[in-house]
Amino acid sequence: MALEYLEDTFTKYPCRDKLLRVCQYAAIFYDGALVEPRNGRLLMVRRFITKDKSESTAARVSSSISAARLVFRLLNTPATLCNVKNIYQKWNENDSNHELFAFALDALECLASLAYNPVEQLSWAGQVSKLFDSPRREWLSIWCTKLWIMLLIINIMRSWRLLRTVYKSGEWKMPVLSLVQDIADLINAIHFLPAGFLWSSRLPTILVGLLGMISSSIALYKVL
């Protein structure tokens, strides 16, 4: 029975993607930390700079998993279009029963989602085929991160609004988990921007890995 459940669960794309994401950030976490024995204890030491400038095995594992997940995401466009269509139908059928703020969040989510897929696909094509020069590839990559940040902020606002609504009813577990997940991802997303904005490019690798594992574990829990 357990094997049938695992087979049914992990043959689905969302579960596989979230599980791979946990592994990806676990490799980043491991890459940012050295476990060394000292006085009979295990001491976790953050590693910022090493004499060996070559990429570590953990970093290569993380990069490979990230590349695999990106290729699978290239097929997400139909699902995104269906989601946009569902949101439009929901508002078209019940437009008088919804608040303007909720409508604005849905509209912004639709725009960001529709923009994200082609930008990421162009970025991937540019990296693989060298279709664009290096500055343009970097520009596309930065815009992918900016659109991701926009979607995360929308999700945080929606979860916070839902939490305030359902808190007294005791159904606050999922909104809280969603808030923690999106805030952890938002911290990392800002770090991935070019240096000069808030804490961009300033977080230690071990913290990036830890935040990624937290958000990925919550995402995996939500789809199980």
C-alpha atoms as a PDB file:
ATOM      1  CA  MET A   1       0.000   0.000   0.000  1.00  0.00           C
ATOM      2  CA  ALA A   2       2.823   2.366   0.930  1.00  0.00           C
ATOM      3  CA  LEU A   3       4.687   1.570  -2.290  1.00  0.00           C
ATOM      4  CA  GLU A   4       1.557   2.226  -4.339  1.00  0.00           C
ATOM      5  CA  TYR A   5       1.104   5.577  -2.587  1.00  0.00           C
ATOM      6  CA  LEU A   6       4.728   6.565  -3.251  1.00  0.00           C
ATOM      7  CA  GLU A   7       4.469   5.483  -6.885  1.00  0.00           C
ATOM      8  CA  ASP A   8       1.228   7.404  -7.398  1.00  0.00           C
ATOM      9  CA  THR A   9       2.608  10.490  -5.646  1.00  0.00           C
ATOM     10  CA  PHE A  10       6.115  10.823  -7.021  1.00  0.00           C
ATOM     11  CA  THR A  11       5.231  10.013 -10.621  1.00  0.00           C
ATOM     12  CA  LYS A  12       3.427  13.363 -10.714  1.00  0.00           C
ATOM     13  CA  TYR A  13       5.384  16.381 -11.894  1.00  0.00           C
ATOM     14  CA  PRO A  14       4.655  18.725  -8.916  1.00  0.00           C
ATOM     15  CA  CYS A  15       5.939  16.186  -6.373  1.00  0.00           C
ATOM     16  CA  ARG A  16       9.028  15.329  -8.406  1.00  0.00           C
ATOM     17  CA  ASP A  17       9.831  19.004  -8.907  1.00  0.00           C
ATOM     18  CA  LYS A  18       9.483  19.836  -5.190  1.00  0.00           C
ATOM     19  CA  LEU A  19      11.557  16.819  -4.186  1.00  0.00           C
ATOM     20  CA  LEU A  20      14.294  17.823  -6.632  1.00  0.00           C
ATOM     21  CA  ARG A  21      14.145  21.369  -5.243  1.00  0.00           C
ATOM     22  CA  VAL A  22      14.750  20.050  -1.715  1.00  0.00           C
ATOM     23  CA  CYS A  23      17.786  18.138  -3.013  1.00  0.00           C
ATOM     24  CA  GLN A  24      19.022  21.189  -4.930  1.00  0.00           C
ATOM     25  CA  TYR A  25      19.030  23.435  -1.875  1.00  0.00           C
ATOM     26  CA  ALA A  26      20.379  20.658   0.341  1.00  0.00           C
ATOM     27  CA  ALA A  27      23.405  20.550  -1.980  1.00  0.00           C
ATOM     28  CA  ILE A  28      23.736  24.343  -1.706  1.00  0.00           C
ATOM     29  CA  PHE A  29      23.526  24.084   2.090  1.00  0.00           C
ATOM     30  CA  TYR A  30      26.206  21.383   2.126  1.00  0.00           C
ATOM     31  CA  ASP A  31      28.390  23.404  -0.223  1.00  0.00           C
ATOM     32  CA  GLY A  32      28.223  26.371   2.152  1.00  0.00           C
ATOM     33  CA  ALA A  33      29.254  24.443   5.213  1.00  0.00           C
ATOM     34  CA  LEU A  34      32.185  22.370   6.400  1.00  0.00           C
ATOM     35  CA  VAL A  35      31.646  19.913   9.215  1.00  0.00           C
ATOM     36  CA  GLU A  36      34.894  19.549  11.144  1.00  0.00           C
ATOM     37  CA  PRO A  37      35.614  17.689  14.372  1.00  0.00           C
ATOM     38  CA  ARG A  38      36.960  19.928  17.114  1.00  0.00           C
ATOM     39  CA  ASN A  39      37.420  18.859  20.750  1.00  0.00           C
ATOM     40  CA  GLY A  40      35.137  15.888  20.199  1.00  0.00           C
ATOM     41  CA  ARG A  41      32.337  18.056  18.821  1.00  0.00           C
ATOM     42  CA  LEU A  42      31.025  18.764  15.347  1.00  0.00           C
ATOM     43  CA  LEU A  43      31.406  22.386  14.399  1.00  0.00           C
ATOM     44  CA  MET A  44      29.555  23.871  11.439  1.00  0.00           C
ATOM     45  CA  VAL A  45      31.819  26.423   9.790  1.00  0.00           C
ATOM     46  CA  ARG A  46      30.598  28.776   7.076  1.00  0.00           C
ATOM     47  CA  ARG A  47      32.802  28.694   4.005  1.00  0.00           C
ATOM     48  CA  PHE A  48      33.038  31.963   2.112  1.00  0.00           C
ATOM     49  CA  ILE A  49      36.395  31.713   0.310  1.00  0.00           C
ATOM     50  CA  THR A  50      38.602  28.697  -0.304  1.00  0.00           C
ATOM     51  CA  LYS A  51      41.995  28.386  -1.909  1.00  0.00           C
ATOM     52  CA  ASP A  52      40.529  25.990  -4.446  1.00  0.00           C
ATOM     53  CA  LYS A  53      38.508  28.126  -6.836  1.00  0.00           C
ATOM     54  CA  SER A  54      37.126  25.138  -8.751  1.00  0.00           C
ATOM     55  CA  GLU A  55      33.461  24.324  -8.377  1.00  0.00           C
ATOM     56  CA  SER A  56      32.741  21.781  -5.654  1.00  0.00           C
ATOM     57  CA  THR A  57      30.891  18.522  -6.264  1.00  0.00           C
ATOM     58  CA  ALA A  58      27.895  19.768  -4.255  1.00  0.00           C
ATOM     59  CA  ALA A  59      27.737  22.937  -6.352  1.00  0.00           C
ATOM     60  CA  ARG A  60      27.814  20.882  -9.557  1.00  0.00           C
ATOM     61  CA  VAL A  61      25.007  18.657  -8.229  1.00  0.00           C
ATOM     62  CA  SER A  62      22.928  21.727  -7.373  1.00  0.00           C
ATOM     63  CA  SER A  63      23.536  23.265 -10.819  1.00  0.00           C
ATOM     64  CA  SER A  64      22.591  20.014 -12.577  1.00  0.00           C
ATOM     65  CA  ILE A  65      19.331  19.681 -10.627  1.00  0.00           C
ATOM     66  CA  SER A  66      18.500  23.332 -11.299  1.00  0.00           C
ATOM     67  CA  ALA A  67      19.092  22.829 -15.031  1.00  0.00           C
ATOM     68  CA  ALA A  68      16.876  19.730 -15.071  1.00  0.00           C
ATOM     69  CA  ARG A  69      14.053  21.536 -13.274  1.00  0.00           C
ATOM     70  CA  LEU A  70      14.332  24.457 -15.700  1.00  0.00           C
ATOM     71  CA  VAL A  71      13.955  22.164 -18.722  1.00  0.00           C
ATOM     72  CA  PHE A  72      10.796  20.630 -17.241  1.00  0.00           C
ATOM     73  CA  ARG A  73       9.428  24.121 -16.500  1.00  0.00           C
ATOM     74  CA  LEU A  74       9.650  24.954 -20.207  1.00  0.00           C
ATOM     75  CA  LEU A  75       6.480  22.888 -20.610  1.00  0.00           C
ATOM     76  CA  ASN A  76       4.537  24.916 -18.036  1.00  0.00           C
ATOM     77  CA  THR A  77       3.081  27.438 -20.488  1.00  0.00           C
ATOM     78  CA  PRO A  78      -0.189  25.511 -21.140  1.00  0.00           C
ATOM     79  CA  ALA A  79      -0.757  25.144 -17.375  1.00  0.00           C
ATOM     80  CA  THR A  80      -0.150  28.874 -16.904  1.00  0.00           C
ATOM     81  CA  LEU A  81      -2.638  29.738 -19.629  1.00  0.00           C
ATOM     82  CA  CYS A  82      -5.225  27.431 -18.052  1.00  0.00           C
ATOM     83  CA  ASN A  83      -4.688  29.103 -14.681  1.00  0.00           C
ATOM     84  CA  VAL A  84      -5.168  32.542 -16.216  1.00  0.00           C
ATOM     85  CA  LYS A  85      -8.318  31.315 -17.966  1.00  0.00           C
ATOM     86  CA  ASN A  86      -9.705  29.932 -14.680  1.00  0.00           C
ATOM     87  CA  ILE A  87      -9.052  33.221 -12.880  1.00  0.00           C
ATOM     88  CA  TYR A  88     -10.751  35.143 -15.680  1.00  0.00           C
ATOM     89  CA  GLN A  89     -13.799  32.848 -15.608  1.00  0.00           C
ATOM     90  CA  LYS A  90     -14.036  33.119 -11.834  1.00  0.00           C
ATOM     91  CA  TRP A  91     -14.076  36.890 -11.973  1.00  0.00           C
ATOM     92  CA  ASN A  92     -16.388  37.024 -14.974  1.00  0.00           C
ATOM     93  CA  GLU A  93     -18.951  34.860 -13.176  1.00  0.00           C
ATOM     94  CA  ASN A  94     -18.647  36.446  -9.721  1.00  0.00           C
ATOM     95  CA  ASP A  95     -17.282  39.922 -10.341  1.00  0.00           C
ATOM     96  CA  SER A  96     -19.843  41.567  -8.053  1.00  0.00           C
ATOM     97  CA  ASN A  97     -18.902  39.408  -5.064  1.00  0.00           C
ATOM     98  CA  HIS A  98     -15.177  40.157  -4.970  1.00  0.00           C
ATOM     99  CA  GLU A  99     -13.149  43.017  -3.590  1.00  0.00           C
ATOM    100  CA  LEU A 100     -11.057  45.294  -5.743  1.00  0.00           C
ATOM    101  CA  PHE A 101      -7.884  44.386  -3.815  1.00  0.00           C
ATOM    102  CA  ALA A 102      -8.328  40.663  -4.501  1.00  0.00           C
ATOM    103  CA  PHE A 103      -9.012  41.418  -8.159  1.00  0.00           C
ATOM    104  CA  ALA A 104      -5.827  43.503  -8.359  1.00  0.00           C
ATOM    105  CA  LEU A 105      -3.749  40.657  -6.886  1.00  0.00           C
ATOM    106  CA  ASP A 106      -5.226  38.159  -9.358  1.00  0.00           C
ATOM    107  CA  ALA A 107      -4.626  40.519 -12.276  1.00  0.00           C
ATOM    108  CA  LEU A 108      -1.003  41.138 -11.264  1.00  0.00           C
ATOM    109  CA  GLU A 109      -0.447  37.404 -10.807  1.00  0.00           C
ATOM    110  CA  CYS A 110      -1.789  36.744 -14.315  1.00  0.00           C
ATOM    111  CA  LEU A 111       0.476  39.374 -15.860  1.00  0.00           C
ATOM    112  CA  ALA A 112       3.573  38.199 -13.976  1.00  0.00           C
ATOM    113  CA  SER A 113       2.882  34.527 -14.777  1.00  0.00           C
ATOM    114  CA  LEU A 114       2.310  35.231 -18.467  1.00  0.00           C
ATOM    115  CA  ALA A 115       5.538  37.244 -18.647  1.00  0.00           C
ATOM    116  CA  TYR A 116       7.678  34.825 -16.636  1.00  0.00           C
ATOM    117  CA  ASN A 117       7.462  31.787 -18.924  1.00  0.00           C
ATOM    118  CA  PRO A 118       8.625  33.415 -22.192  1.00  0.00           C
ATOM    119  CA  VAL A 119      11.350  35.389 -20.379  1.00  0.00           C
ATOM    120  CA  GLU A 120      12.694  32.221 -18.758  1.00  0.00           C
ATOM    121  CA  GLN A 121      12.486  30.326 -22.053  1.00  0.00           C
ATOM    122  CA  LEU A 122      14.437  33.055 -23.861  1.00  0.00           C
ATOM    123  CA  SER A 123      16.985  33.102 -21.047  1.00  0.00           C
ATOM    124  CA  TRP A 124      17.428  29.325 -21.288  1.00  0.00           C
ATOM    125  CA  ALA A 125      17.699  29.436 -25.099  1.00  0.00           C
ATOM    126  CA  GLY A 126      20.298  32.193 -24.844  1.00  0.00           C
ATOM    127  CA  GLN A 127      22.392  30.243 -22.373  1.00  0.00           C
ATOM    128  CA  VAL A 128      22.250  26.966 -24.286  1.00  0.00           C
ATOM    129  CA  SER A 129      22.684  28.220 -27.856  1.00  0.00           C
ATOM    130  CA  LYS A 130      24.530  31.499 -27.153  1.00  0.00           C
ATOM    131  CA  LEU A 131      21.712  33.141 -29.094  1.00  0.00           C
ATOM    132  CA  PHE A 132      22.267  36.422 -27.245  1.00  0.00           C
ATOM    133  CA  ASP A 133      25.382  38.166 -26.072  1.00  0.00           C
ATOM    134  CA  SER A 134      26.374  37.922 -22.410  1.00  0.00           C
ATOM    135  CA  PRO A 135      24.827  41.257 -21.242  1.00  0.00           C
ATOM    136  CA  ARG A 136      21.464  40.365 -22.788  1.00  0.00           C
ATOM    137  CA  ARG A 137      21.505  36.881 -21.229  1.00  0.00           C
ATOM    138  CA  GLU A 138      22.248  38.469 -17.876  1.00  0.00           C
ATOM    139  CA  TRP A 139      19.417  40.973 -18.394  1.00  0.00           C
ATOM    140  CA  LEU A 140      16.932  38.153 -19.094  1.00  0.00           C
ATOM    141  CA  SER A 141      18.104  36.223 -16.050  1.00  0.00           C
ATOM    142  CA  ILE A 142      17.663  39.292 -13.833  1.00  0.00           C
ATOM    143  CA  TRP A 143      14.136  39.839 -15.167  1.00  0.00           C
ATOM    144  CA  CYS A 144      13.264  36.213 -14.373  1.00  0.00           C
ATOM    145  CA  THR A 145      14.263  36.889 -10.779  1.00  0.00           C
ATOM    146  CA  LYS A 146      12.321  40.173 -10.682  1.00  0.00           C
ATOM    147  CA  LEU A 147       9.143  38.481 -11.945  1.00  0.00           C
ATOM    148  CA  TRP A 148       9.643  35.713  -9.397  1.00  0.00           C
ATOM    149  CA  ILE A 149       9.913  38.361  -6.660  1.00  0.00           C
ATOM    150  CA  MET A 150       6.713  39.961  -7.903  1.00  0.00           C
ATOM    151  CA  LEU A 151       4.853  36.639  -7.720  1.00  0.00           C
ATOM    152  CA  LEU A 152       6.224  35.978  -4.229  1.00  0.00           C
ATOM    153  CA  ILE A 153       5.082  39.382  -2.964  1.00  0.00           C
ATOM    154  CA  ILE A 154       1.604  38.745  -4.406  1.00  0.00           C
ATOM    155  CA  ASN A 155       1.461  35.354  -2.674  1.00  0.00           C
ATOM    156  CA  ILE A 156       2.614  36.872   0.631  1.00  0.00           C
ATOM    157  CA  MET A 157      -0.077  39.545   0.469  1.00  0.00           C
ATOM    158  CA  ARG A 158      -2.728  36.952  -0.398  1.00  0.00           C
ATOM    159  CA  SER A 159      -1.643  34.588   2.415  1.00  0.00           C
ATOM    160  CA  TRP A 160      -1.540  37.417   4.952  1.00  0.00           C
ATOM    161  CA  ARG A 161      -5.027  38.529   3.928  1.00  0.00           C
ATOM    162  CA  LEU A 162      -6.323  34.959   4.183  1.00  0.00           C
ATOM    163  CA  LEU A 163      -4.648  34.468   7.572  1.00  0.00           C
ATOM    164  CA  ARG A 164      -6.382  37.525   8.976  1.00  0.00           C
ATOM    165  CA  THR A 165      -9.700  36.172   7.689  1.00  0.00           C
ATOM    166  CA  VAL A 166      -9.466  32.592   8.990  1.00  0.00           C
ATOM    167  CA  TYR A 167      -7.350  33.071  12.135  1.00  0.00           C
ATOM    168  CA  LYS A 168     -10.292  33.050  14.558  1.00  0.00           C
ATOM    169  CA  SER A 169     -11.724  29.913  12.953  1.00  0.00           C
ATOM    170  CA  GLY A 170      -8.540  27.980  13.741  1.00  0.00           C
ATOM    171  CA  GLU A 171      -7.799  27.206  10.082  1.00  0.00           C
ATOM    172  CA  TRP A 172      -4.516  29.107  10.074  1.00  0.00           C
ATOM    173  CA  LYS A 173      -2.014  26.297   9.460  1.00  0.00           C
ATOM    174  CA  MET A 174      -1.806  26.447   5.651  1.00  0.00           C
ATOM    175  CA  PRO A 175      -1.710  30.278   5.410  1.00  0.00           C
ATOM    176  CA  VAL A 176       1.136  30.339   7.964  1.00  0.00           C
ATOM    177  CA  LEU A 177       3.059  27.659   6.071  1.00  0.00           C
ATOM    178  CA  SER A 178       2.532  29.564   2.820  1.00  0.00           C
ATOM    179  CA  LEU A 179       3.800  32.774   4.448  1.00  0.00           C
ATOM    180  CA  VAL A 180       6.946  31.063   5.751  1.00  0.00           C
ATOM    181  CA  GLN A 181       7.544  29.425   2.363  1.00  0.00           C
ATOM    182  CA  ASP A 182       7.181  32.620   0.348  1.00  0.00           C
ATOM    183  CA  ILE A 183       9.153  34.798   2.788  1.00  0.00           C
ATOM    184  CA  ALA A 184      12.049  32.304   2.726  1.00  0.00           C
ATOM    185  CA  ASP A 185      11.972  32.313  -1.086  1.00  0.00           C
ATOM    186  CA  LEU A 186      11.731  36.122  -1.166  1.00  0.00           C
ATOM    187  CA  ILE A 187      14.865  36.479   0.975  1.00  0.00           C
ATOM    188  CA  ASN A 188      16.736  34.196  -1.429  1.00  0.00           C
ATOM    189  CA  ALA A 189      15.290  35.859  -4.538  1.00  0.00           C
ATOM    190  CA  ILE A 190      16.549  39.288  -3.440  1.00  0.00           C
ATOM    191  CA  HIS A 191      19.947  37.719  -2.752  1.00  0.00           C
ATOM    192  CA  PHE A 192      20.036  36.444  -6.358  1.00  0.00           C
ATOM    193  CA  LEU A 193      19.732  40.006  -7.741  1.00  0.00           C
ATOM    194  CA  PRO A 194      22.893  41.928  -8.699  1.00  0.00           C
ATOM    195  CA  ALA A 195      24.752  43.484  -5.781  1.00  0.00           C
ATOM    196  CA  GLY A 196      23.561  46.881  -4.588  1.00  0.00           C
ATOM    197  CA  PHE A 197      19.912  46.232  -3.687  1.00  0.00           C
ATOM    198  CA  LEU A 198      19.206  45.466  -0.013  1.00  0.00           C
ATOM    199  CA  TRP A 199      21.070  42.226   0.829  1.00  0.00           C
ATOM    200  CA  SER A 200      21.549  41.082  -2.794  1.00  0.00           C
ATOM    201  CA  SER A 201      24.666  38.908  -3.249  1.00  0.00           C
ATOM    202  CA  ARG A 202      25.459  39.222   0.468  1.00  0.00           C
ATOM    203  CA  LEU A 203      23.887  36.140   2.092  1.00  0.00           C
ATOM    204  CA  PRO A 204      26.203  33.253   3.037  1.00  0.00           C
ATOM    205  CA  THR A 205      25.734  30.119   0.952  1.00  0.00           C
ATOM    206  CA  ILE A 206      24.742  28.079   3.989  1.00  0.00           C
ATOM    207  CA  LEU A 207      21.838  30.455   4.736  1.00  0.00           C
ATOM    208  CA  VAL A 208      20.664  30.382   1.104  1.00  0.00           C
ATOM    209  CA  GLY A 209      20.617  26.586   1.269  1.00  0.00           C
ATOM    210  CA  LEU A 210      18.800  26.542   4.609  1.00  0.00           C
ATOM    211  CA  LEU A 211      16.085  28.971   3.471  1.00  0.00           C
ATOM    212  CA  GLY A 212      15.677  27.029   0.230  1.00  0.00           C
ATOM    213  CA  MET A 213      15.294  23.734   2.088  1.00  0.00           C
ATOM    214  CA  ILE A 214      12.653  25.262   4.376  1.00  0.00           C
ATOM    215  CA  SER A 215      10.577  26.658   1.502  1.00  0.00           C
ATOM    216  CA  SER A 216      11.023  23.518  -0.622  1.00  0.00           C
ATOM    217  CA  SER A 217      10.048  21.198   2.236  1.00  0.00           C
ATOM    218  CA  ILE A 218       6.867  23.196   2.845  1.00  0.00           C
ATOM    219  CA  ALA A 219       6.067  23.132  -0.887  1.00  0.00           C
ATOM    220  CA  LEU A 220       6.584  19.351  -0.955  1.00  0.00           C
ATOM    221  CA  TYR A 221       4.384  18.912   2.109  1.00  0.00           C
ATOM    222  CA  LYS A 222       1.595  20.916   0.451  1.00  0.00           C
ATOM    223  CA  VAL A 223       1.499  18.704  -2.652  1.00  0.00           C
ATOM    224  CA  LEU A 224       1.712  15.359  -0.838  1.00  0.00           C
END
